Amino acid sequence: MRVLITGGTGLVGSRLVARLNERNDAPVVLSRNRASAQAKFGASAEVIEGDPATSGPWEQSLDACDAVVNLAGENIFARRWNDREKATIRDSRVLGTQNIVAAICRAERRPAVLVNASAVGFYGPHGDEEITEDAPPGDDFLATACVEWEAAARGVQAAGVRLAVLRIGVVLSADGGALAKMLTPFKLGIGGPAGSGQQWMSWIHIDDLVDIILHTLDHATVSGVINATAPAPVTNKVFSKSLGRALGRPAFFPVPAFALRLRFGQVAEVVLTGQRVLPRRAMDLGYAFQFRDIDAALADLLTR
């Protein structure tokens, strides 16, 4: 299977490239910096230069691909939010997806499936309520951006292309992302919950996320919205205690909400609120999670 990946040099995309190679598939990475991406992957991936947020010659590569995995999107934690940064976050997802969909629809030989990333931010902040794929969207910035992102992806369905939308939770990996940012204070023994610690954290081990993507590529009956989160979400407080245990360090130094807001501005609300998301459709579709328990997931990642 020849698979075009946007966001392929990122945390999830890089792992997906490795897994596709293990299966003797052919990953094709779309990157704004071809030289850098080719140096990263060497002979393990074909690299095409282009930005999905802008139309260009890269679109012609879709004719030779069997599937597209769209993971592109600006990091929401990269900078403090202002109107310009919010527009960048939104446009990197919505405009990029619109261009990918348009290119797929124009292709002489269309890919059979588009796997498009979204996020559990679609649901907006929630309390203890258990949320499945049927829940309505929230009305905050991230929820609105996710609604537009998913709407842009649905355009491929009119061209007869199968679409799966993955609402992804907090991805846990030993190679970067949220977990890497947390490790230093916890290793120093000054880690702890954020704010009240009662907010829910819908997490997923990176291997499960990549395997859900592969499961979606491999099974023609898999389509629609899928919550890409582990079956057992935890509160921030429980996660902090689990991370402390995994590192053999204390985890009772809370970070006050006001300190997070002072340091990060509006984006701090993403950490201080959350959703208790359940992957009902993934389990109904026959996906068997490798890591259902946060202690097992962290033990695996921190011994790599």
C-alpha atoms as a PDB file:
ATOM      1  CA  MET A   1       0.000   0.000   0.000  1.00  0.00           C
ATOM      2  CA  ARG A   2       1.340   3.416  -0.976  1.00  0.00           C
ATOM      3  CA  VAL A   3       0.345   5.953   1.698  1.00  0.00           C
ATOM      4  CA  LEU A   4       0.756   9.722   1.489  1.00  0.00           C
ATOM      5  CA  ILE A   5       1.253  11.270   4.938  1.00  0.00           C
ATOM      6  CA  THR A   6       0.958  14.944   5.790  1.00  0.00           C
ATOM      7  CA  GLY A   7       2.550  15.883   9.092  1.00  0.00           C
ATOM      8  CA  GLY A   8       4.803  12.901   8.494  1.00  0.00           C
ATOM      9  CA  THR A   9       7.854  14.353  10.248  1.00  0.00           C
ATOM     10  CA  GLY A  10       5.909  14.898  13.474  1.00  0.00           C
ATOM     11  CA  LEU A  11       5.619  12.610  16.475  1.00  0.00           C
ATOM     12  CA  VAL A  12       2.790  10.415  15.161  1.00  0.00           C
ATOM     13  CA  GLY A  13       3.740  10.665  11.495  1.00  0.00           C
ATOM     14  CA  SER A  14       7.292   9.476  12.130  1.00  0.00           C
ATOM     15  CA  ARG A  15       6.056   6.438  14.025  1.00  0.00           C
ATOM     16  CA  LEU A  16       3.539   5.711  11.273  1.00  0.00           C
ATOM     17  CA  VAL A  17       6.330   5.798   8.654  1.00  0.00           C
ATOM     18  CA  ALA A  18       8.282   3.224  10.685  1.00  0.00           C
ATOM     19  CA  ARG A  19       5.274   0.928  11.066  1.00  0.00           C
ATOM     20  CA  LEU A  20       4.417   1.126   7.361  1.00  0.00           C
ATOM     21  CA  ASN A  21       7.976   0.110   6.551  1.00  0.00           C
ATOM     22  CA  GLU A  22       7.739  -2.825   8.939  1.00  0.00           C
ATOM     23  CA  ARG A  23       4.738  -4.008   6.900  1.00  0.00           C
ATOM     24  CA  ASN A  24       6.534  -3.465   3.577  1.00  0.00           C
ATOM     25  CA  ASP A  25       4.157  -0.674   2.642  1.00  0.00           C
ATOM     26  CA  ALA A  26       5.407   2.477   0.909  1.00  0.00           C
ATOM     27  CA  PRO A  27       5.175   5.712   2.950  1.00  0.00           C
ATOM     28  CA  VAL A  28       5.277   9.002   1.057  1.00  0.00           C
ATOM     29  CA  VAL A  29       5.862  12.065   3.253  1.00  0.00           C
ATOM     30  CA  LEU A  30       4.666  15.523   2.215  1.00  0.00           C
ATOM     31  CA  SER A  31       6.994  18.093   3.802  1.00  0.00           C
ATOM     32  CA  ARG A  32       7.621  21.813   3.478  1.00  0.00           C
ATOM     33  CA  ASN A  33      11.345  21.084   3.798  1.00  0.00           C
ATOM     34  CA  ARG A  34      12.237  18.158   1.569  1.00  0.00           C
ATOM     35  CA  ALA A  35      15.943  18.134   2.395  1.00  0.00           C
ATOM     36  CA  SER A  36      15.344  18.022   6.149  1.00  0.00           C
ATOM     37  CA  ALA A  37      12.683  15.321   5.878  1.00  0.00           C
ATOM     38  CA  GLN A  38      14.799  13.194   3.544  1.00  0.00           C
ATOM     39  CA  ALA A  39      17.713  13.453   5.964  1.00  0.00           C
ATOM     40  CA  LYS A  40      15.399  12.275   8.752  1.00  0.00           C
ATOM     41  CA  PHE A  41      13.986   9.278   6.895  1.00  0.00           C
ATOM     42  CA  GLY A  42      16.763   8.373   4.475  1.00  0.00           C
ATOM     43  CA  ALA A  43      15.646   5.571   2.191  1.00  0.00           C
ATOM     44  CA  SER A  44      12.758   4.582   4.473  1.00  0.00           C
ATOM     45  CA  ALA A  45      10.315   7.065   2.899  1.00  0.00           C
ATOM     46  CA  GLU A  46       9.823   8.960  -0.303  1.00  0.00           C
ATOM     47  CA  VAL A  47       9.624  12.687   0.415  1.00  0.00           C
ATOM     48  CA  ILE A  48       7.693  15.210  -1.675  1.00  0.00           C
ATOM     49  CA  GLU A  49       8.100  18.912  -1.053  1.00  0.00           C
ATOM     50  CA  GLY A  50       4.943  20.899  -0.527  1.00  0.00           C
ATOM     51  CA  ASP A  51       2.631  22.558   1.968  1.00  0.00           C
ATOM     52  CA  PRO A  52      -0.915  21.201   2.131  1.00  0.00           C
ATOM     53  CA  ALA A  53      -2.117  24.677   3.099  1.00  0.00           C
ATOM     54  CA  THR A  54      -1.071  25.849  -0.389  1.00  0.00           C
ATOM     55  CA  SER A  55      -1.925  24.326  -3.749  1.00  0.00           C
ATOM     56  CA  GLY A  56       1.077  23.154  -5.751  1.00  0.00           C
ATOM     57  CA  PRO A  57       2.768  20.382  -7.766  1.00  0.00           C
ATOM     58  CA  TRP A  58       2.599  18.086  -4.722  1.00  0.00           C
ATOM     59  CA  GLU A  59      -1.043  17.418  -5.581  1.00  0.00           C
ATOM     60  CA  GLN A  60       0.008  15.294  -8.566  1.00  0.00           C
ATOM     61  CA  SER A  61       1.523  12.707  -6.216  1.00  0.00           C
ATOM     62  CA  LEU A  62      -1.949  11.638  -5.114  1.00  0.00           C
ATOM     63  CA  ASP A  63      -2.516   9.837  -8.413  1.00  0.00           C
ATOM     64  CA  ALA A  64      -0.053   7.146  -7.371  1.00  0.00           C
ATOM     65  CA  CYS A  65      -1.257   6.686  -3.768  1.00  0.00           C
ATOM     66  CA  ASP A  66      -3.707   4.158  -2.357  1.00  0.00           C
ATOM     67  CA  ALA A  67      -4.431   6.095   0.832  1.00  0.00           C
ATOM     68  CA  VAL A  68      -3.878   9.477   2.492  1.00  0.00           C
ATOM     69  CA  VAL A  69      -3.299  10.089   6.208  1.00  0.00           C
ATOM     70  CA  ASN A  70      -3.692  13.783   7.035  1.00  0.00           C
ATOM     71  CA  LEU A  71      -1.975  14.632  10.318  1.00  0.00           C
ATOM     72  CA  ALA A  72      -0.901  18.191   9.493  1.00  0.00           C
ATOM     73  CA  GLY A  73      -1.660  20.974  11.945  1.00  0.00           C
ATOM     74  CA  GLU A  74       0.143  23.697  13.865  1.00  0.00           C
ATOM     75  CA  ASN A  75       1.082  22.770  17.447  1.00  0.00           C
ATOM     76  CA  ILE A  76      -1.537  24.375  19.700  1.00  0.00           C
ATOM     77  CA  PHE A  77       1.003  24.741  22.527  1.00  0.00           C
ATOM     78  CA  ALA A  78       3.757  26.334  20.425  1.00  0.00           C
ATOM     79  CA  ARG A  79       2.981  29.937  21.415  1.00  0.00           C
ATOM     80  CA  ARG A  80       0.611  32.025  23.538  1.00  0.00           C
ATOM     81  CA  TRP A  81      -2.715  32.464  21.814  1.00  0.00           C
ATOM     82  CA  ASN A  82      -3.775  35.706  20.208  1.00  0.00           C
ATOM     83  CA  ASP A  83      -5.985  36.296  17.184  1.00  0.00           C
ATOM     84  CA  ARG A  84      -3.111  35.699  14.766  1.00  0.00           C
ATOM     85  CA  GLU A  85      -2.009  32.476  16.450  1.00  0.00           C
ATOM     86  CA  LYS A  86      -5.567  31.162  16.547  1.00  0.00           C
ATOM     87  CA  ALA A  87      -5.913  31.869  12.822  1.00  0.00           C
ATOM     88  CA  THR A  88      -2.667  29.954  12.185  1.00  0.00           C
ATOM     89  CA  ILE A  89      -3.885  26.964  14.218  1.00  0.00           C
ATOM     90  CA  ARG A  90      -7.238  26.948  12.462  1.00  0.00           C
ATOM     91  CA  ASP A  91      -5.942  27.541   8.928  1.00  0.00           C
ATOM     92  CA  SER A  92      -3.192  24.915   9.181  1.00  0.00           C
ATOM     93  CA  ARG A  93      -5.940  22.341   9.714  1.00  0.00           C
ATOM     94  CA  VAL A  94      -8.905  23.611   7.734  1.00  0.00           C
ATOM     95  CA  LEU A  95      -7.206  25.084   4.662  1.00  0.00           C
ATOM     96  CA  GLY A  96      -4.755  22.190   4.473  1.00  0.00           C
ATOM     97  CA  THR A  97      -7.573  19.657   4.595  1.00  0.00           C
ATOM     98  CA  GLN A  98      -9.571  21.563   1.995  1.00  0.00           C
ATOM     99  CA  ASN A  99      -6.605  21.454  -0.387  1.00  0.00           C
ATOM    100  CA  ILE A 100      -5.995  17.764   0.222  1.00  0.00           C
ATOM    101  CA  VAL A 101      -9.648  16.966  -0.413  1.00  0.00           C
ATOM    102  CA  ALA A 102      -9.694  19.058  -3.580  1.00  0.00           C
ATOM    103  CA  ALA A 103      -6.553  17.307  -4.833  1.00  0.00           C
ATOM    104  CA  ILE A 104      -8.016  13.871  -4.086  1.00  0.00           C
ATOM    105  CA  CYS A 105     -11.197  14.739  -5.951  1.00  0.00           C
ATOM    106  CA  ARG A 106      -9.192  15.915  -8.992  1.00  0.00           C
ATOM    107  CA  ALA A 107      -6.893  12.878  -9.083  1.00  0.00           C
ATOM    108  CA  GLU A 108      -7.221  10.609 -12.107  1.00  0.00           C
ATOM    109  CA  ARG A 109      -6.673   7.591  -9.844  1.00  0.00           C
ATOM    110  CA  ARG A 110      -8.110   8.537  -6.485  1.00  0.00           C
ATOM    111  CA  PRO A 111      -6.865   7.103  -3.194  1.00  0.00           C
ATOM    112  CA  ALA A 112      -9.384   4.716  -1.706  1.00  0.00           C
ATOM    113  CA  VAL A 113      -9.383   6.249   1.776  1.00  0.00           C
ATOM    114  CA  LEU A 114      -8.606   9.441   3.662  1.00  0.00           C
ATOM    115  CA  VAL A 115      -7.769   9.110   7.355  1.00  0.00           C
ATOM    116  CA  ASN A 116      -8.078  12.614   8.750  1.00  0.00           C
ATOM    117  CA  ALA A 117      -6.937  13.718  12.177  1.00  0.00           C
ATOM    118  CA  SER A 118      -9.184  15.671  14.514  1.00  0.00           C
ATOM    119  CA  ALA A 119      -9.051  16.005  18.303  1.00  0.00           C
ATOM    120  CA  VAL A 120     -11.112  15.360  21.419  1.00  0.00           C
ATOM    121  CA  GLY A 121     -11.175  19.153  21.706  1.00  0.00           C
ATOM    122  CA  PHE A 122     -14.159  18.792  19.355  1.00  0.00           C
ATOM    123  CA  TYR A 123     -16.326  18.136  22.425  1.00  0.00           C
ATOM    124  CA  GLY A 124     -15.253  21.202  24.374  1.00  0.00           C
ATOM    125  CA  PRO A 125     -14.664  21.197  28.145  1.00  0.00           C
ATOM    126  CA  HIS A 126     -16.722  18.664  30.122  1.00  0.00           C
ATOM    127  CA  GLY A 127     -16.931  17.474  33.678  1.00  0.00           C
ATOM    128  CA  ASP A 128     -17.342  13.825  34.671  1.00  0.00           C
ATOM    129  CA  GLU A 129     -19.708  12.972  31.810  1.00  0.00           C
ATOM    130  CA  GLU A 130     -18.597   9.996  29.692  1.00  0.00           C
ATOM    131  CA  ILE A 131     -18.407  11.080  26.050  1.00  0.00           C
ATOM    132  CA  THR A 132     -18.721   8.889  22.975  1.00  0.00           C
ATOM    133  CA  GLU A 133     -18.721   9.752  19.283  1.00  0.00           C
ATOM    134  CA  ASP A 134     -22.400  10.744  19.376  1.00  0.00           C
ATOM    135  CA  ALA A 135     -21.800  13.723  21.671  1.00  0.00           C
ATOM    136  CA  PRO A 136     -22.317  17.199  20.150  1.00  0.00           C
ATOM    137  CA  PRO A 137     -19.461  19.672  19.667  1.00  0.00           C
ATOM    138  CA  GLY A 138     -18.489  22.322  22.163  1.00  0.00           C
ATOM    139  CA  ASP A 139     -18.485  26.030  21.451  1.00  0.00           C
ATOM    140  CA  ASP A 140     -14.978  27.157  22.438  1.00  0.00           C
ATOM    141  CA  PHE A 141     -12.164  27.949  19.999  1.00  0.00           C
ATOM    142  CA  LEU A 142     -10.723  24.440  19.702  1.00  0.00           C
ATOM    143  CA  ALA A 143     -14.156  22.854  19.328  1.00  0.00           C
ATOM    144  CA  THR A 144     -15.101  25.289  16.572  1.00  0.00           C
ATOM    145  CA  ALA A 145     -11.792  24.658  14.786  1.00  0.00           C
ATOM    146  CA  CYS A 146     -12.348  20.886  14.979  1.00  0.00           C
ATOM    147  CA  VAL A 147     -15.869  21.223  13.585  1.00  0.00           C
ATOM    148  CA  GLU A 148     -14.521  23.144  10.584  1.00  0.00           C
ATOM    149  CA  TRP A 149     -11.617  20.705  10.211  1.00  0.00           C
ATOM    150  CA  GLU A 150     -13.916  17.695  10.059  1.00  0.00           C
ATOM    151  CA  ALA A 151     -16.346  19.458   7.718  1.00  0.00           C
ATOM    152  CA  ALA A 152     -13.475  20.124   5.305  1.00  0.00           C
ATOM    153  CA  ALA A 153     -12.582  16.415   5.271  1.00  0.00           C
ATOM    154  CA  ARG A 154     -16.115  15.284   4.465  1.00  0.00           C
ATOM    155  CA  GLY A 155     -15.778  16.661   0.941  1.00  0.00           C
ATOM    156  CA  VAL A 156     -14.046  13.450  -0.201  1.00  0.00           C
ATOM    157  CA  GLN A 157     -17.192  11.434   0.367  1.00  0.00           C
ATOM    158  CA  ALA A 158     -18.901  13.061  -2.614  1.00  0.00           C
ATOM    159  CA  ALA A 159     -16.080  11.634  -4.763  1.00  0.00           C
ATOM    160  CA  GLY A 160     -16.681   8.121  -3.432  1.00  0.00           C
ATOM    161  CA  VAL A 161     -13.602   8.113  -1.164  1.00  0.00           C
ATOM    162  CA  ARG A 162     -13.906   6.406   2.209  1.00  0.00           C
ATOM    163  CA  LEU A 163     -13.350   8.800   5.117  1.00  0.00           C
ATOM    164  CA  ALA A 164     -12.354   8.079   8.701  1.00  0.00           C
ATOM    165  CA  VAL A 165     -11.971  10.950  11.182  1.00  0.00           C
ATOM    166  CA  LEU A 166      -9.901  10.247  14.288  1.00  0.00           C
ATOM    167  CA  ARG A 167     -10.619  12.434  17.313  1.00  0.00           C
ATOM    168  CA  ILE A 168      -7.275  12.041  19.007  1.00  0.00           C
ATOM    169  CA  GLY A 169      -6.597  12.436  22.723  1.00  0.00           C
ATOM    170  CA  VAL A 170      -3.320  13.223  24.503  1.00  0.00           C
ATOM    171  CA  VAL A 171      -0.700  11.124  22.717  1.00  0.00           C
ATOM    172  CA  LEU A 172       1.826   9.538  25.067  1.00  0.00           C
ATOM    173  CA  SER A 173       5.244   8.820  23.578  1.00  0.00           C
ATOM    174  CA  ALA A 174       8.790   8.453  24.815  1.00  0.00           C
ATOM    175  CA  ASP A 175       9.986  10.555  21.878  1.00  0.00           C
ATOM    176  CA  GLY A 176       8.225  13.850  22.568  1.00  0.00           C
ATOM    177  CA  GLY A 177       4.846  15.479  22.973  1.00  0.00           C
ATOM    178  CA  ALA A 178       3.080  16.067  26.270  1.00  0.00           C
ATOM    179  CA  LEU A 179       4.881  13.338  28.210  1.00  0.00           C
ATOM    180  CA  ALA A 180       8.337  14.667  27.353  1.00  0.00           C
ATOM    181  CA  LYS A 181       7.370  18.123  28.635  1.00  0.00           C
ATOM    182  CA  MET A 182       6.247  16.656  31.955  1.00  0.00           C
ATOM    183  CA  LEU A 183       9.282  14.477  32.652  1.00  0.00           C
ATOM    184  CA  THR A 184      11.771  17.062  33.941  1.00  0.00           C
ATOM    185  CA  PRO A 185       9.763  18.391  36.905  1.00  0.00           C
ATOM    186  CA  PHE A 186       8.633  14.886  37.827  1.00  0.00           C
ATOM    187  CA  LYS A 187      12.193  13.539  37.689  1.00  0.00           C
ATOM    188  CA  LEU A 188      13.233  16.407  39.945  1.00  0.00           C
ATOM    189  CA  GLY A 189      10.527  15.429  42.417  1.00  0.00           C
ATOM    190  CA  ILE A 190       8.521  18.616  41.948  1.00  0.00           C
ATOM    191  CA  GLY A 191       5.816  17.263  39.649  1.00  0.00           C
ATOM    192  CA  GLY A 192       2.149  17.158  40.451  1.00  0.00           C
ATOM    193  CA  PRO A 193      -1.352  17.788  39.166  1.00  0.00           C
ATOM    194  CA  ALA A 194      -2.310  20.881  37.198  1.00  0.00           C
ATOM    195  CA  GLY A 195      -4.872  23.086  38.903  1.00  0.00           C
ATOM    196  CA  SER A 196      -7.451  21.061  40.796  1.00  0.00           C
ATOM    197  CA  GLY A 197      -6.313  17.814  39.160  1.00  0.00           C
ATOM    198  CA  GLN A 198      -9.960  16.791  38.824  1.00  0.00           C
ATOM    199  CA  GLN A 199     -10.106  17.472  35.072  1.00  0.00           C
ATOM    200  CA  TRP A 200     -10.220  14.373  32.899  1.00  0.00           C
ATOM    201  CA  MET A 201      -7.375  13.404  30.592  1.00  0.00           C
ATOM    202  CA  SER A 202      -8.227  11.240  27.590  1.00  0.00           C
ATOM    203  CA  TRP A 203      -4.884   9.720  26.652  1.00  0.00           C
ATOM    204  CA  ILE A 204      -3.598   7.170  24.154  1.00  0.00           C
ATOM    205  CA  HIS A 205      -0.311   5.298  23.819  1.00  0.00           C
ATOM    206  CA  ILE A 206       1.327   6.210  20.515  1.00  0.00           C
ATOM    207  CA  ASP A 207       1.484   2.544  19.441  1.00  0.00           C
ATOM    208  CA  ASP A 208      -2.285   2.215  19.844  1.00  0.00           C
ATOM    209  CA  LEU A 209      -2.884   5.406  17.874  1.00  0.00           C
ATOM    210  CA  VAL A 210      -0.695   4.259  14.984  1.00  0.00           C
ATOM    211  CA  ASP A 211      -2.291   0.815  15.045  1.00  0.00           C
ATOM    212  CA  ILE A 212      -5.757   2.386  14.892  1.00  0.00           C
ATOM    213  CA  ILE A 213      -4.621   4.296  11.796  1.00  0.00           C
ATOM    214  CA  LEU A 214      -3.339   1.060  10.238  1.00  0.00           C
ATOM    215  CA  HIS A 215      -6.532  -0.783  11.226  1.00  0.00           C
ATOM    216  CA  THR A 216      -8.510   1.947   9.474  1.00  0.00           C
ATOM    217  CA  LEU A 217      -6.372   1.735   6.341  1.00  0.00           C
ATOM    218  CA  ASP A 218      -6.675  -2.049   6.208  1.00  0.00           C
ATOM    219  CA  HIS A 219     -10.426  -2.470   6.709  1.00  0.00           C
ATOM    220  CA  ALA A 220     -12.748  -1.125   4.049  1.00  0.00           C
ATOM    221  CA  THR A 221     -15.700  -1.217   6.438  1.00  0.00           C
ATOM    222  CA  VAL A 222     -14.127   1.306   8.839  1.00  0.00           C
ATOM    223  CA  SER A 223     -15.376   4.837   8.279  1.00  0.00           C
ATOM    224  CA  GLY A 224     -16.847   7.807  10.101  1.00  0.00           C
ATOM    225  CA  VAL A 225     -15.776   9.310  13.420  1.00  0.00           C
ATOM    226  CA  ILE A 226     -13.605   7.295  15.799  1.00  0.00           C
ATOM    227  CA  ASN A 227     -12.414   8.449  19.211  1.00  0.00           C
ATOM    228  CA  ALA A 228      -8.693   7.616  19.273  1.00  0.00           C
ATOM    229  CA  THR A 229      -8.312   7.420  23.053  1.00  0.00           C
ATOM    230  CA  ALA A 230      -7.595   4.633  25.508  1.00  0.00           C
ATOM    231  CA  PRO A 231     -10.634   2.927  27.093  1.00  0.00           C
ATOM    232  CA  ALA A 232      -9.747   4.174  30.587  1.00  0.00           C
ATOM    233  CA  PRO A 233      -9.318   7.960  30.757  1.00  0.00           C
ATOM    234  CA  VAL A 234      -7.983   9.275  34.051  1.00  0.00           C
ATOM    235  CA  THR A 235      -8.088  12.524  35.957  1.00  0.00           C
ATOM    236  CA  ASN A 236      -5.026  14.727  35.849  1.00  0.00           C
ATOM    237  CA  LYS A 237      -4.412  13.880  39.507  1.00  0.00           C
ATOM    238  CA  VAL A 238      -4.462  10.138  38.829  1.00  0.00           C
ATOM    239  CA  PHE A 239      -2.172  10.584  35.834  1.00  0.00           C
ATOM    240  CA  SER A 240       0.293  12.574  37.935  1.00  0.00           C
ATOM    241  CA  LYS A 241       0.400   9.893  40.617  1.00  0.00           C
ATOM    242  CA  SER A 242       0.902   7.210  37.968  1.00  0.00           C
ATOM    243  CA  LEU A 243       3.766   9.129  36.355  1.00  0.00           C
ATOM    244  CA  GLY A 244       5.373   9.642  39.748  1.00  0.00           C
ATOM    245  CA  ARG A 245       5.155   5.892  40.471  1.00  0.00           C
ATOM    246  CA  ALA A 246       6.642   5.038  37.085  1.00  0.00           C
ATOM    247  CA  LEU A 247       9.609   7.325  37.789  1.00  0.00           C
ATOM    248  CA  GLY A 248       9.911   6.414  41.452  1.00  0.00           C
ATOM    249  CA  ARG A 249       9.436  10.065  42.418  1.00  0.00           C
ATOM    250  CA  PRO A 250       6.902  11.999  44.507  1.00  0.00           C
ATOM    251  CA  ALA A 251       4.074  13.732  42.657  1.00  0.00           C
ATOM    252  CA  PHE A 252       2.333  15.981  45.177  1.00  0.00           C
ATOM    253  CA  PHE A 253       3.407  19.470  44.104  1.00  0.00           C
ATOM    254  CA  PRO A 254       0.370  20.925  42.311  1.00  0.00           C
ATOM    255  CA  VAL A 255       0.790  23.666  39.736  1.00  0.00           C
ATOM    256  CA  PRO A 256      -1.784  26.365  40.599  1.00  0.00           C
ATOM    257  CA  ALA A 257      -4.224  27.306  37.862  1.00  0.00           C
ATOM    258  CA  PHE A 258      -3.289  30.980  38.111  1.00  0.00           C
ATOM    259  CA  ALA A 259       0.381  30.122  37.492  1.00  0.00           C
ATOM    260  CA  LEU A 260      -0.461  28.198  34.332  1.00  0.00           C
ATOM    261  CA  ARG A 261      -2.656  31.034  33.078  1.00  0.00           C
ATOM    262  CA  LEU A 262       0.091  33.548  33.837  1.00  0.00           C
ATOM    263  CA  ARG A 263       2.703  31.466  32.011  1.00  0.00           C
ATOM    264  CA  PHE A 264       0.705  30.237  29.011  1.00  0.00           C
ATOM    265  CA  GLY A 265      -2.267  32.570  28.698  1.00  0.00           C
ATOM    266  CA  GLN A 266      -5.501  31.290  27.200  1.00  0.00           C
ATOM    267  CA  VAL A 267      -3.994  27.996  26.020  1.00  0.00           C
ATOM    268  CA  ALA A 268      -3.672  26.983  29.695  1.00  0.00           C
ATOM    269  CA  GLU A 269      -7.416  26.274  29.667  1.00  0.00           C
ATOM    270  CA  VAL A 270      -6.727  23.212  27.487  1.00  0.00           C
ATOM    271  CA  VAL A 271      -4.716  21.747  30.383  1.00  0.00           C
ATOM    272  CA  LEU A 272      -7.058  22.928  33.127  1.00  0.00           C
ATOM    273  CA  THR A 273     -10.194  21.517  31.524  1.00  0.00           C
ATOM    274  CA  GLY A 274     -10.753  18.206  29.781  1.00  0.00           C
ATOM    275  CA  GLN A 275     -13.070  15.506  28.544  1.00  0.00           C
ATOM    276  CA  ARG A 276     -13.791  11.943  29.669  1.00  0.00           C
ATOM    277  CA  VAL A 277     -13.795  10.399  26.198  1.00  0.00           C
ATOM    278  CA  LEU A 278     -14.464   6.709  25.487  1.00  0.00           C
ATOM    279  CA  PRO A 279     -13.436   4.917  22.243  1.00  0.00           C
ATOM    280  CA  ARG A 280     -16.748   3.143  21.735  1.00  0.00           C
ATOM    281  CA  ARG A 281     -16.529   2.851  17.938  1.00  0.00           C
ATOM    282  CA  ALA A 282     -12.930   1.639  17.906  1.00  0.00           C
ATOM    283  CA  MET A 283     -13.891  -1.236  20.182  1.00  0.00           C
ATOM    284  CA  ASP A 284     -17.110  -1.932  18.260  1.00  0.00           C
ATOM    285  CA  LEU A 285     -15.046  -2.106  15.064  1.00  0.00           C
ATOM    286  CA  GLY A 286     -12.834  -4.783  16.552  1.00  0.00           C
ATOM    287  CA  TYR A 287      -9.740  -2.835  17.551  1.00  0.00           C
ATOM    288  CA  ALA A 288      -7.978  -4.472  20.520  1.00  0.00           C
ATOM    289  CA  PHE A 289      -6.031  -1.941  22.567  1.00  0.00           C
ATOM    290  CA  GLN A 290      -2.495  -2.880  23.609  1.00  0.00           C
ATOM    291  CA  PHE A 291      -2.511  -0.354  26.455  1.00  0.00           C
ATOM    292  CA  ARG A 292      -5.799   0.112  28.284  1.00  0.00           C
ATOM    293  CA  ASP A 293      -4.295   1.065  31.666  1.00  0.00           C
ATOM    294  CA  ILE A 294      -2.269   4.220  32.338  1.00  0.00           C
ATOM    295  CA  ASP A 295       0.228   2.446  34.631  1.00  0.00           C
ATOM    296  CA  ALA A 296       1.033  -0.154  31.963  1.00  0.00           C
ATOM    297  CA  ALA A 297       1.305   2.513  29.258  1.00  0.00           C
ATOM    298  CA  LEU A 298       3.739   4.667  31.244  1.00  0.00           C
ATOM    299  CA  ALA A 299       5.781   1.673  32.373  1.00  0.00           C
ATOM    300  CA  ASP A 300       6.204   0.644  28.734  1.00  0.00           C
ATOM    301  CA  LEU A 301       7.122   4.115  27.492  1.00  0.00           C
ATOM    302  CA  LEU A 302       9.563   4.955  30.283  1.00  0.00           C
ATOM    303  CA  THR A 303      11.539   1.706  29.960  1.00  0.00           C
ATOM    304  CA  ARG A 304      12.203   2.197  26.224  1.00  0.00           C
END
